[in-house]
Amino acid sequence: MNNRRHKGMSIKVAMALYSAIVIIVLTILIVVAGYNLYENHVMENYKKYVTTVLEYAYSITEDYSFGDMIEAREMPDEYEEMRSALNHVKENSDIDYLYAVYFDDINDINSLTYAINTKTAEELDKGGTYTYLGTPCEEGSFEQETLLNLQQAVKTGSTETGVQQGYSEGYGYMFNSYKVIYDSNGDPVGLLCVEIDVTNIQGDLDHYVRMIAIFVAVFTTVITIIFVGIAEYFISYPIISLTESADDFIMSIGDQESLDKSVEKIKSLNIKSKNEIGELYRTVSRLESEMADQYRDIRQYSENVMRMQDGLIILMADMVENRDSDTGDHIQKTAEYVHIILRGLKRNGYYVDQLSPEYVEYVVKSAPLHDVGKIRISDAVLNKPGKLTPEEYEIMKTHATAGKEIIEKAISTVEGENYLTEALNMAAYHHERWDGKGYPEGLKGEEIPLSARVMAVADVFDALTSTRVYKPAFPLEEALKIIEEGKGTQFDPKCVEVFLEALPDIKNVLKRYKPSKSS
């Protein structure tokens, strides 16, 4: 790749050169001008403003000997007069908070307590209430660093006006200006604080931002026009076109016709650049063409395999059903009942972690194999025209274990283990009971695979509503009643619930297979 020669400037060099020029120049100008304006002008104005408001408010507290009120923890009549005066200060300024606090225990920063606060008429109309002397400050109202600064100011009896910037989740970024309050003995007892919100100072910075924007815009216009013109023709258009074509190709995966159209679309771009973009175009074009051909072959192979798998399942199920003279249309009906139950579980939000579209497809397709183990049961037992003896019933019960062994062998010898896993679960465990009294392993509750719990309901219901040599078909109402009675003992309660809710679908299945022996 390094030995290839390109006509004209390399894209790599061009992008690096143009980007470096624009970014470096803009960065230097914006950072230097913006920082100085922000730090030295706007923020300084905020500091001066809150300090000025604080000094005026502080003079009011001195007139009312507020320090003595705090020291005595008392609120005489003058307290509300002072609050009214401070309210007026806040009402006629742009500050957000004006209040006084003190440390109930000067050595405990968490003992910060309100001495007074102010509210504008608008805030009071909106439900705001006054905070009185002795009300503890809300936890989290102040940063730890802010509390330490306030504590230090009171401890040292600082006479300076302090200004600091802080942040809290409830109030955002604030400028806080504070001054220590003294009592008539000259002892520091609390602090008067003024805060103004500086979270969004865009309005104040608009004037300066405009100056920066104009300066930067003029300086960069010529460079930008040249860069954009060159980049658009030699870089942007080819890359965008190539990207769109590649996106179309990706979105078309799964549809052979759309894939072929996407390949034709990228070929029609006919990008002839001699640089990296041209090489990329030719590589992507060739790759898409080859992938489309490979996908066609893979899809055909996959379809053939799926048809073969489906055919083998039906073939095996038919072999069992043809041996069992009693099970007319059993595999078809149970498969439909299984699908009805799975849809109901998903609709009601049950077992959502398991009921993926792929899982449902596997279970429905594998359902016909649930009785595959009967192929090992002798005709004398399988087709006995009457009730089985206890010994014969034990033999019949072995069809579950036999089915498991048959499908395990299939899984171990052919690909498609995921496809057959649920077939194995249904064949092995569809005679297990929710209460643990089933066979072959006596599994209980959700120890039983979901597909087997679903098949248990479908299998019993079809047996009830179908004619057997040893019994007539039960009426639909009686069969449903038996299924409901088994809820929570023989069957998964959720499977029974959704099955009974789908009565119209059940009736449609019975009606569709009416020519058979089912009622």
Protein backbone atom coordinates (compact mmCIF):
# COMPACT_ATOMS: atom_id res chain seq x y z
CA MET A 1 0.00 0.00 0.00
CA ASN A 2 2.88 2.36 0.83
CA ASN A 3 4.40 1.82 -2.62
CA ARG A 4 1.31 3.01 -4.49
CA ARG A 5 1.46 6.46 -6.07
CA HIS A 6 -1.50 8.81 -6.13
CA LYS A 7 -2.14 11.66 -8.50
CA GLY A 8 -2.53 14.93 -6.61
CA MET A 9 -2.34 15.46 -2.87
CA SER A 10 -3.11 12.46 -0.67
CA ILE A 11 -6.44 12.69 1.15
CA LYS A 12 -4.63 11.93 4.37
CA VAL A 13 -2.29 14.92 3.89
CA ALA A 14 -5.04 17.23 2.63
CA MET A 15 -7.41 16.51 5.53
CA ALA A 16 -4.62 16.85 8.06
CA LEU A 17 -3.39 20.15 6.57
CA TYR A 18 -6.77 21.88 6.18
CA SER A 19 -8.13 20.61 9.51
CA ALA A 20 -4.98 21.65 11.37
CA ILE A 21 -5.06 25.19 9.97
CA VAL A 22 -8.72 25.81 10.78
CA ILE A 23 -8.74 24.11 14.17
CA ILE A 24 -5.49 25.65 15.43
CA VAL A 25 -6.40 29.20 14.42
CA LEU A 26 -9.97 29.00 15.74
CA THR A 27 -8.88 27.33 18.96
CA ILE A 28 -6.24 29.95 19.76
CA LEU A 29 -8.56 32.87 19.04
CA ILE A 30 -11.59 31.48 20.87
CA VAL A 31 -9.73 30.19 23.90
CA VAL A 32 -7.66 33.35 24.46
CA ALA A 33 -10.42 35.87 23.75
CA GLY A 34 -13.19 33.86 25.38
CA TYR A 35 -11.26 33.08 28.53
CA ASN A 36 -10.15 36.65 29.10
CA LEU A 37 -13.58 38.09 28.46
CA TYR A 38 -15.29 35.51 30.64
CA GLU A 39 -12.86 35.62 33.55
CA ASN A 40 -11.96 39.29 33.58
CA HIS A 41 -15.21 40.93 32.60
CA VAL A 42 -18.45 39.01 32.99
CA MET A 43 -17.62 37.02 36.10
CA GLU A 44 -15.96 40.04 37.70
CA ASN A 45 -19.13 42.03 37.17
CA TYR A 46 -21.12 39.35 38.99
CA LYS A 47 -18.72 39.50 41.92
CA LYS A 48 -19.00 43.26 42.15
CA TYR A 49 -22.75 43.16 41.87
CA VAL A 50 -23.38 40.62 44.62
CA THR A 51 -20.87 42.39 46.86
CA THR A 52 -22.64 45.72 46.37
CA VAL A 53 -26.04 44.20 47.18
CA LEU A 54 -24.57 42.44 50.22
CA GLU A 55 -23.08 45.64 51.63
CA TYR A 56 -26.39 47.44 51.31
CA ALA A 57 -28.31 44.58 52.93
CA TYR A 58 -25.68 44.35 55.68
CA SER A 59 -26.21 48.01 56.58
CA ILE A 60 -29.88 47.24 57.14
CA THR A 61 -29.09 44.38 59.54
CA GLU A 62 -26.81 46.67 61.51
CA ASP A 63 -29.64 49.18 61.91
CA TYR A 64 -31.72 46.46 63.60
CA SER A 65 -28.89 44.98 65.72
CA PHE A 66 -29.44 41.66 63.99
CA GLY A 67 -26.35 40.17 65.64
CA ASP A 68 -27.98 40.46 69.08
CA MET A 69 -31.09 38.69 67.81
CA ILE A 70 -28.96 35.79 66.56
CA GLU A 71 -26.94 35.64 69.78
CA ALA A 72 -30.11 35.62 71.90
CA ARG A 73 -31.94 33.28 69.48
CA GLU A 74 -34.90 35.64 69.67
CA MET A 75 -37.13 37.33 67.12
CA PRO A 76 -38.45 40.65 68.51
CA ASP A 77 -40.96 42.81 66.65
CA GLU A 78 -38.11 44.47 64.76
CA TYR A 79 -37.28 41.08 63.21
CA GLU A 80 -40.18 41.24 60.73
CA GLU A 81 -39.50 44.93 60.02
CA MET A 82 -35.93 44.00 59.13
CA ARG A 83 -37.16 41.13 56.95
CA SER A 84 -39.47 43.53 55.11
CA ALA A 85 -36.54 45.85 54.41
CA LEU A 86 -34.40 42.95 53.19
CA ASN A 87 -37.31 41.73 51.06
CA HIS A 88 -37.31 45.13 49.42
CA VAL A 89 -33.61 44.78 48.61
CA LYS A 90 -34.17 41.44 46.95
CA GLU A 91 -37.29 42.65 45.16
CA ASN A 92 -35.35 45.48 43.53
CA SER A 93 -32.24 43.53 42.54
CA ASP A 94 -31.34 40.61 40.29
CA ILE A 95 -30.06 38.37 43.07
CA ASP A 96 -31.64 34.95 43.65
CA TYR A 97 -31.16 34.50 47.40
CA LEU A 98 -30.68 36.81 50.38
CA TYR A 99 -30.50 35.16 53.78
CA ALA A 100 -28.57 34.96 57.06
CA VAL A 101 -27.23 31.81 58.75
CA TYR A 102 -25.30 30.84 61.87
CA PHE A 103 -23.63 27.71 63.25
CA ASP A 104 -25.63 26.41 66.18
CA ASP A 105 -22.38 24.71 67.18
CA ILE A 106 -19.44 26.60 65.70
CA ASN A 107 -17.34 23.41 65.73
CA ASP A 108 -19.92 21.43 63.76
CA ILE A 109 -20.24 22.47 60.10
CA ASN A 110 -23.44 20.46 59.82
CA SER A 111 -25.17 22.63 62.43
CA LEU A 112 -25.70 25.50 59.98
CA THR A 113 -29.03 27.16 60.80
CA TYR A 114 -31.11 29.88 59.19
CA ALA A 115 -31.38 33.24 60.95
CA ILE A 116 -33.64 34.81 58.31
CA ASN A 117 -34.45 34.60 54.63
CA THR A 118 -36.16 36.83 52.13
CA LYS A 119 -38.93 36.32 49.59
CA THR A 120 -40.21 38.51 46.81
CA ALA A 121 -43.92 39.14 46.44
CA GLU A 122 -43.92 36.93 43.35
CA GLU A 123 -42.30 34.06 45.26
CA LEU A 124 -44.84 34.39 48.06
CA ASP A 125 -47.72 34.41 45.55
CA LYS A 126 -46.38 31.15 44.13
CA GLY A 127 -46.47 29.45 47.52
CA GLY A 128 -43.11 30.47 48.94
CA THR A 129 -42.85 30.66 52.72
CA TYR A 130 -40.52 32.40 55.14
CA THR A 131 -37.79 30.61 57.03
CA TYR A 132 -37.44 31.81 60.60
CA LEU A 133 -34.53 32.07 62.99
CA GLY A 134 -33.65 28.61 64.29
CA THR A 135 -34.65 26.61 61.20
CA PRO A 136 -31.88 24.09 60.28
CA CYS A 137 -30.50 24.39 56.76
CA GLU A 138 -31.47 21.59 54.39
CA GLU A 139 -28.88 18.84 54.00
CA GLY A 140 -26.99 19.24 50.75
CA SER A 141 -27.78 22.95 50.36
CA PHE A 142 -24.08 23.82 50.60
CA GLU A 143 -20.93 22.15 49.40
CA GLN A 144 -18.51 20.90 52.05
CA GLU A 145 -15.91 23.45 50.96
CA THR A 146 -18.46 26.27 51.24
CA LEU A 147 -19.43 25.20 54.76
CA LEU A 148 -15.78 25.14 55.80
CA ASN A 149 -15.23 28.65 54.40
CA LEU A 150 -18.27 30.00 56.22
CA GLN A 151 -17.23 28.30 59.45
CA GLN A 152 -13.70 29.72 59.18
CA ALA A 153 -15.04 33.22 58.54
CA VAL A 154 -17.11 33.13 61.73
CA LYS A 155 -14.36 31.54 63.82
CA THR A 156 -11.81 34.15 62.80
CA GLY A 157 -14.27 37.04 62.91
CA SER A 158 -13.34 38.05 59.37
CA THR A 159 -14.23 41.62 58.50
CA GLU A 160 -13.78 41.09 54.77
CA THR A 161 -16.57 40.42 52.32
CA GLY A 162 -16.07 36.92 50.92
CA VAL A 163 -17.08 35.81 47.42
CA GLN A 164 -17.02 32.18 46.28
CA GLN A 165 -18.51 30.08 43.52
CA GLY A 166 -20.19 26.81 44.44
CA TYR A 167 -22.43 24.10 43.08
CA SER A 168 -25.20 21.92 44.46
CA GLU A 169 -27.64 19.58 42.71
CA GLY A 170 -30.63 21.52 43.95
CA TYR A 171 -29.40 25.02 43.10
CA GLY A 172 -26.81 24.64 40.33
CA TYR A 173 -23.81 26.99 40.04
CA MET A 174 -24.06 30.04 42.29
CA PHE A 175 -21.96 33.05 43.27
CA ASN A 176 -22.12 33.46 47.02
CA SER A 177 -21.10 36.69 48.73
CA TYR A 178 -21.04 36.59 52.52
CA LYS A 179 -20.12 38.83 55.45
CA VAL A 180 -19.81 38.02 59.14
CA ILE A 181 -22.51 39.46 61.45
CA TYR A 182 -21.43 40.71 64.88
CA ASP A 183 -23.41 41.30 68.04
CA SER A 184 -23.18 44.47 70.12
CA ASN A 185 -20.21 43.00 72.01
CA GLY A 186 -18.26 42.66 68.80
CA ASP A 187 -18.46 38.86 68.74
CA PRO A 188 -19.04 37.09 65.40
CA VAL A 189 -22.38 35.26 65.55
CA GLY A 190 -23.43 34.51 61.96
CA LEU A 191 -23.23 35.46 58.31
CA LEU A 192 -25.32 37.44 55.85
CA CYS A 193 -25.28 35.83 52.40
CA VAL A 194 -26.28 36.94 48.93
CA GLU A 195 -26.39 34.44 46.03
CA ILE A 196 -26.90 34.86 42.32
CA ASP A 197 -27.35 32.07 39.81
CA VAL A 198 -24.50 31.89 37.27
CA THR A 199 -25.50 28.55 35.76
CA ASN A 200 -26.53 30.25 32.57
CA ILE A 201 -24.75 33.51 31.89
CA GLN A 202 -25.31 33.34 28.14
CA GLY A 203 -27.34 36.49 28.17
CA ASP A 204 -24.52 38.51 29.69
CA LEU A 205 -21.95 36.97 27.37
CA ASP A 206 -23.93 37.50 24.15
CA HIS A 207 -22.23 40.82 23.49
CA TYR A 208 -18.76 39.37 23.83
CA VAL A 209 -19.62 36.18 21.96
CA ARG A 210 -20.85 38.25 19.04
CA MET A 211 -17.55 40.10 18.89
CA ILE A 212 -15.62 36.84 18.95
CA ALA A 213 -17.93 35.28 16.36
CA ILE A 214 -17.58 38.19 13.96
CA PHE A 215 -13.82 38.25 14.30
CA VAL A 216 -13.47 34.50 13.85
CA ALA A 217 -16.00 34.39 11.01
CA VAL A 218 -14.19 37.07 9.01
CA PHE A 219 -10.82 35.46 9.55
CA THR A 220 -11.93 31.94 8.65
CA THR A 221 -14.39 32.64 5.83
CA VAL A 222 -11.83 32.53 3.05
CA ILE A 223 -10.16 29.40 4.40
CA THR A 224 -13.51 27.71 4.94
CA ILE A 225 -14.77 28.46 1.44
CA ILE A 226 -11.62 27.07 -0.13
CA PHE A 227 -11.56 24.03 2.12
CA VAL A 228 -15.25 23.25 1.68
CA GLY A 229 -15.04 23.57 -2.09
CA ILE A 230 -12.10 21.22 -2.40
CA ALA A 231 -13.36 18.78 0.24
CA GLU A 232 -16.85 18.67 -1.27
CA TYR A 233 -15.67 17.72 -4.73
CA PHE A 234 -12.79 15.41 -3.92
CA ILE A 235 -13.76 14.03 -0.52
CA SER A 236 -17.30 14.62 0.77
CA TYR A 237 -19.33 13.65 -2.27
CA PRO A 238 -17.46 10.39 -2.99
CA ILE A 239 -17.41 9.36 0.68
CA ILE A 240 -21.08 10.22 1.27
CA SER A 241 -22.14 8.38 -1.87
CA LEU A 242 -20.04 5.39 -0.94
CA THR A 243 -21.36 5.40 2.64
CA GLU A 244 -24.98 5.60 1.53
CA SER A 245 -24.49 2.72 -0.85
CA ALA A 246 -22.82 0.64 1.85
CA ASP A 247 -25.65 1.45 4.28
CA ASP A 248 -28.19 0.38 1.67
CA PHE A 249 -26.32 -2.87 1.27
CA ILE A 250 -26.32 -3.55 5.02
CA MET A 251 -30.02 -2.72 5.31
CA SER A 252 -30.74 -5.04 2.40
CA ILE A 253 -29.23 -8.12 4.04
CA GLY A 254 -32.02 -10.65 4.25
CA ASP A 255 -33.54 -9.68 0.90
CA GLN A 256 -31.66 -11.02 -2.10
CA GLU A 257 -33.43 -8.76 -4.59
CA SER A 258 -32.57 -5.65 -2.55
CA LEU A 259 -28.97 -6.83 -2.22
CA ASP A 260 -28.63 -7.14 -5.99
CA LYS A 261 -30.09 -3.65 -6.46
CA SER A 262 -27.64 -2.27 -3.89
CA VAL A 263 -24.71 -3.82 -5.77
CA GLU A 264 -25.90 -2.22 -9.01
CA LYS A 265 -26.27 1.12 -7.23
CA ILE A 266 -22.69 1.17 -5.95
CA LYS A 267 -21.37 0.15 -9.36
CA SER A 268 -23.26 3.04 -10.94
CA LEU A 269 -21.29 5.56 -8.82
CA ASN A 270 -18.30 4.89 -11.08
CA ILE A 271 -15.83 6.74 -8.81
CA LYS A 272 -12.55 7.07 -10.72
CA SER A 273 -10.39 8.86 -8.14
CA LYS A 274 -6.76 7.73 -8.15
CA ASN A 275 -6.31 8.25 -4.42
CA GLU A 276 -7.41 6.31 -1.31
CA ILE A 277 -11.11 7.02 -1.96
CA GLY A 278 -10.91 5.43 -5.37
CA GLU A 279 -9.20 2.39 -3.91
CA LEU A 280 -11.82 2.20 -1.15
CA TYR A 281 -14.63 2.43 -3.69
CA ARG A 282 -13.26 -0.37 -5.83
CA THR A 283 -12.66 -2.57 -2.77
CA VAL A 284 -16.14 -2.00 -1.31
CA SER A 285 -17.79 -2.51 -4.70
CA ARG A 286 -16.01 -5.81 -5.20
CA LEU A 287 -16.73 -6.87 -1.61
CA GLU A 288 -20.45 -6.15 -1.90
CA SER A 289 -20.71 -8.04 -5.16
CA GLU A 290 -18.98 -11.10 -3.72
CA MET A 291 -20.99 -10.95 -0.49
CA ALA A 292 -24.26 -10.77 -2.44
CA ASP A 293 -23.27 -13.89 -4.39
CA GLN A 294 -22.22 -15.69 -1.22
CA TYR A 295 -25.41 -14.70 0.55
CA ARG A 296 -27.43 -16.11 -2.33
CA ASP A 297 -25.61 -19.43 -2.00
CA ILE A 298 -25.87 -19.47 1.81
CA ARG A 299 -29.57 -18.62 1.74
CA GLN A 300 -30.25 -21.41 -0.71
CA TYR A 301 -28.25 -23.85 1.40
CA SER A 302 -30.01 -22.71 4.58
CA GLU A 303 -33.42 -23.09 2.99
CA ASN A 304 -32.52 -26.59 1.86
CA VAL A 305 -31.33 -27.53 5.34
CA MET A 306 -34.45 -26.08 6.98
CA ARG A 307 -36.71 -27.93 4.56
CA MET A 308 -34.80 -31.13 5.27
CA GLN A 309 -35.06 -30.61 9.02
CA ASP A 310 -38.77 -29.85 8.85
CA GLY A 311 -39.30 -32.84 6.61
CA LEU A 312 -37.42 -35.17 8.93
CA ILE A 313 -39.42 -33.99 11.92
CA ILE A 314 -42.73 -34.55 10.16
CA LEU A 315 -41.50 -37.88 8.82
CA MET A 316 -40.51 -39.12 12.27
CA ALA A 317 -43.74 -37.86 13.82
CA ASP A 318 -45.79 -39.50 11.07
CA MET A 319 -44.01 -42.78 11.65
CA VAL A 320 -45.07 -42.71 15.29
CA GLU A 321 -48.60 -41.54 14.54
CA ASN A 322 -49.11 -44.20 11.88
CA ARG A 323 -48.18 -46.86 14.42
CA ASP A 324 -50.60 -45.44 16.99
CA SER A 325 -54.10 -46.13 15.70
CA ASP A 326 -55.61 -43.76 18.27
CA THR A 327 -53.88 -40.44 17.61
CA GLY A 328 -55.53 -39.06 14.48
CA ASP A 329 -54.20 -35.57 13.64
CA HIS A 330 -52.61 -35.51 17.09
CA ILE A 331 -49.31 -33.95 16.05
CA GLN A 332 -51.00 -31.23 14.00
CA LYS A 333 -53.47 -30.28 16.73
CA THR A 334 -50.99 -30.33 19.56
CA ALA A 335 -48.61 -28.15 17.53
CA GLU A 336 -51.39 -25.60 17.03
CA TYR A 337 -52.35 -25.68 20.72
CA VAL A 338 -48.70 -25.16 21.62
CA HIS A 339 -48.56 -22.11 19.35
CA ILE A 340 -51.76 -20.73 20.93
CA ILE A 341 -50.30 -21.08 24.43
CA LEU A 342 -46.95 -19.51 23.48
CA ARG A 343 -48.71 -16.53 21.91
CA GLY A 344 -50.83 -16.13 25.04
CA LEU A 345 -47.82 -16.25 27.36
CA LYS A 346 -46.09 -13.58 25.34
CA ARG A 347 -49.22 -11.43 25.14
CA ASN A 348 -49.65 -11.54 28.93
CA GLY A 349 -45.99 -10.75 29.57
CA TYR A 350 -45.10 -14.17 31.01
CA TYR A 351 -41.63 -15.68 30.55
CA VAL A 352 -40.61 -12.80 28.30
CA ASP A 353 -36.91 -13.61 28.71
CA GLN A 354 -37.47 -16.99 27.05
CA LEU A 355 -40.12 -16.24 24.46
CA SER A 356 -37.93 -14.88 21.69
CA PRO A 357 -39.23 -15.27 18.10
CA GLU A 358 -36.54 -17.92 17.51
CA TYR A 359 -37.56 -19.87 20.61
CA VAL A 360 -41.23 -19.86 19.64
CA GLU A 361 -40.36 -21.03 16.12
CA TYR A 362 -38.21 -23.88 17.47
CA VAL A 363 -40.87 -25.05 19.90
CA VAL A 364 -43.70 -25.02 17.35
CA LYS A 365 -41.60 -26.81 14.72
CA SER A 366 -40.34 -29.37 17.24
CA ALA A 367 -43.74 -30.04 18.80
CA PRO A 368 -44.58 -32.99 16.48
CA LEU A 369 -41.64 -34.91 18.00
CA HIS A 370 -42.99 -34.93 21.55
CA ASP A 371 -44.14 -38.56 21.24
CA VAL A 372 -41.23 -39.81 19.13
CA GLY A 373 -40.28 -42.22 21.95
CA LYS A 374 -43.43 -44.25 21.23
CA ILE A 375 -41.58 -45.75 18.29
CA ARG A 376 -39.90 -48.05 20.83
CA ILE A 377 -43.18 -49.16 22.40
CA SER A 378 -44.49 -52.48 21.11
CA ASP A 379 -47.73 -52.55 19.13
CA ALA A 380 -49.26 -54.81 21.74
CA VAL A 381 -49.02 -52.03 24.31
CA LEU A 382 -49.26 -49.01 22.02
CA ASN A 383 -52.44 -50.15 20.25
CA LYS A 384 -54.04 -52.22 22.98
CA PRO A 385 -57.87 -51.87 22.57
CA GLY A 386 -58.55 -51.21 26.22
CA LYS A 387 -57.13 -49.97 29.48
CA LEU A 388 -53.47 -50.76 30.11
CA THR A 389 -52.44 -52.96 33.03
CA PRO A 390 -50.05 -51.43 35.60
CA GLU A 391 -47.18 -53.31 33.98
CA GLU A 392 -48.17 -52.13 30.52
CA TYR A 393 -48.55 -48.55 31.79
CA GLU A 394 -44.99 -48.65 33.13
CA ILE A 395 -43.86 -49.77 29.69
CA MET A 396 -45.84 -46.94 28.06
CA LYS A 397 -44.21 -44.41 30.41
CA THR A 398 -40.79 -45.32 29.03
CA HIS A 399 -41.62 -43.49 25.80
CA ALA A 400 -40.57 -40.20 27.47
CA THR A 401 -37.07 -41.48 28.27
CA ALA A 402 -36.88 -43.18 24.88
CA GLY A 403 -37.77 -39.94 23.14
CA LYS A 404 -35.04 -38.13 25.05
CA GLU A 405 -32.47 -40.74 24.03
CA ILE A 406 -33.50 -40.62 20.37
CA ILE A 407 -33.24 -36.85 20.11
CA GLU A 408 -30.02 -36.73 22.13
CA LYS A 409 -28.50 -39.07 19.59
CA ALA A 410 -29.74 -36.87 16.76
CA ILE A 411 -28.25 -33.79 18.40
CA SER A 412 -24.88 -35.50 18.84
CA THR A 413 -24.65 -36.66 15.22
CA VAL A 414 -26.04 -33.75 13.18
CA GLU A 415 -25.83 -29.99 13.26
CA GLY A 416 -28.75 -28.00 14.59
CA GLU A 417 -28.46 -28.63 18.32
CA ASN A 418 -30.35 -25.44 19.19
CA TYR A 419 -33.15 -26.42 16.85
CA LEU A 420 -33.61 -29.82 18.49
CA THR A 421 -33.10 -28.82 22.13
CA GLU A 422 -36.76 -27.99 22.65
CA ALA A 423 -37.77 -31.17 20.83
CA LEU A 424 -35.73 -33.06 23.43
CA ASN A 425 -37.33 -31.12 26.30
CA MET A 426 -40.85 -31.81 25.07
CA ALA A 427 -40.21 -35.48 24.33
CA ALA A 428 -38.56 -36.12 27.71
CA TYR A 429 -40.64 -33.99 30.07
CA HIS A 430 -44.15 -33.42 28.71
CA HIS A 431 -45.50 -35.92 31.26
CA GLU A 432 -43.91 -34.14 34.23
CA ARG A 433 -46.37 -32.43 36.58
CA TRP A 434 -46.24 -28.96 38.12
CA ASP A 435 -46.58 -30.53 41.59
CA GLY A 436 -43.64 -32.91 41.00
CA LYS A 437 -45.72 -36.11 40.73
CA GLY A 438 -45.07 -36.72 37.05
CA TYR A 439 -42.54 -38.84 35.22
CA PRO A 440 -39.83 -39.73 34.24
CA GLU A 441 -37.80 -37.56 36.69
CA GLY A 442 -40.41 -36.07 39.02
CA LEU A 443 -39.43 -32.49 38.14
CA LYS A 444 -41.45 -29.72 39.81
CA GLY A 445 -42.62 -26.23 38.86
CA GLU A 446 -40.20 -24.27 36.70
CA GLU A 447 -37.65 -27.07 36.94
CA ILE A 448 -39.66 -28.47 34.04
CA PRO A 449 -38.60 -26.82 30.74
CA LEU A 450 -41.15 -24.26 29.55
CA SER A 451 -41.73 -26.02 26.23
CA ALA A 452 -42.59 -29.25 28.08
CA ARG A 453 -45.01 -27.41 30.39
CA VAL A 454 -46.74 -25.94 27.35
CA MET A 455 -46.89 -29.31 25.62
CA ALA A 456 -48.35 -30.93 28.75
CA VAL A 457 -51.47 -28.77 28.46
CA ALA A 458 -51.75 -29.22 24.69
CA ASP A 459 -51.21 -33.00 24.86
CA VAL A 460 -53.78 -33.65 27.61
CA PHE A 461 -56.37 -31.38 26.05
CA ASP A 462 -56.10 -33.15 22.70
CA ALA A 463 -56.31 -36.54 24.40
CA LEU A 464 -59.46 -35.42 26.21
CA THR A 465 -61.19 -34.07 23.10
CA SER A 466 -60.19 -36.99 20.86
CA THR A 467 -61.77 -40.40 20.54
CA ARG A 468 -59.76 -43.33 21.84
CA VAL A 469 -60.50 -47.08 21.67
CA TYR A 470 -60.97 -47.05 25.41
CA LYS A 471 -63.08 -43.86 25.62
CA PRO A 472 -65.19 -41.44 23.61
CA ALA A 473 -64.18 -37.80 23.09
CA PHE A 474 -65.04 -35.52 26.00
CA PRO A 475 -67.28 -32.51 25.28
CA LEU A 476 -65.33 -29.27 24.98
CA GLU A 477 -66.74 -27.80 28.20
CA GLU A 478 -65.82 -30.89 30.22
CA ALA A 479 -62.32 -31.02 28.72
CA LEU A 480 -61.71 -27.36 29.58
CA LYS A 481 -62.98 -27.97 33.10
CA ILE A 482 -60.50 -30.83 33.56
CA ILE A 483 -57.67 -28.64 32.29
CA GLU A 484 -58.67 -25.86 34.70
CA GLU A 485 -58.83 -28.33 37.60
CA GLY A 486 -55.24 -29.30 36.83
CA LYS A 487 -54.05 -25.71 37.17
CA GLY A 488 -51.27 -25.53 39.75
CA THR A 489 -51.15 -29.32 40.27
CA GLN A 490 -50.68 -31.02 36.93
CA PHE A 491 -50.11 -27.91 34.82
CA ASP A 492 -48.26 -24.59 34.91
CA PRO A 493 -50.96 -22.10 36.06
CA LYS A 494 -49.85 -19.49 33.53
CA CYS A 495 -50.10 -21.95 30.64
CA VAL A 496 -53.60 -22.94 31.71
CA GLU A 497 -54.62 -19.29 32.12
CA VAL A 498 -53.62 -18.25 28.60
CA PHE A 499 -55.01 -21.46 27.08
CA LEU A 500 -58.45 -20.86 28.58
CA GLU A 501 -58.33 -17.23 27.44
CA ALA A 502 -57.87 -18.42 23.83
CA LEU A 503 -61.16 -20.34 23.59
CA PRO A 504 -62.06 -18.93 20.12
CA ASP A 505 -58.72 -20.14 18.75
CA ILE A 506 -59.20 -23.55 20.37
CA LYS A 507 -62.64 -23.91 18.80
CA ASN A 508 -61.20 -23.03 15.40
CA VAL A 509 -58.64 -25.84 15.71
CA LEU A 510 -61.34 -28.35 16.73
CA LYS A 511 -63.54 -27.23 13.87
CA ARG A 512 -60.73 -27.45 11.34
CA TYR A 513 -59.94 -31.04 12.33
CA LYS A 514 -63.56 -32.11 12.79
CA PRO A 515 -63.42 -34.74 10.01
CA SER A 516 -60.95 -36.62 12.21
CA LYS A 517 -61.88 -38.36 15.43
CA SER A 518 -61.77 -35.26 17.57
CA SER A 519 -65.03 -33.62 18.57
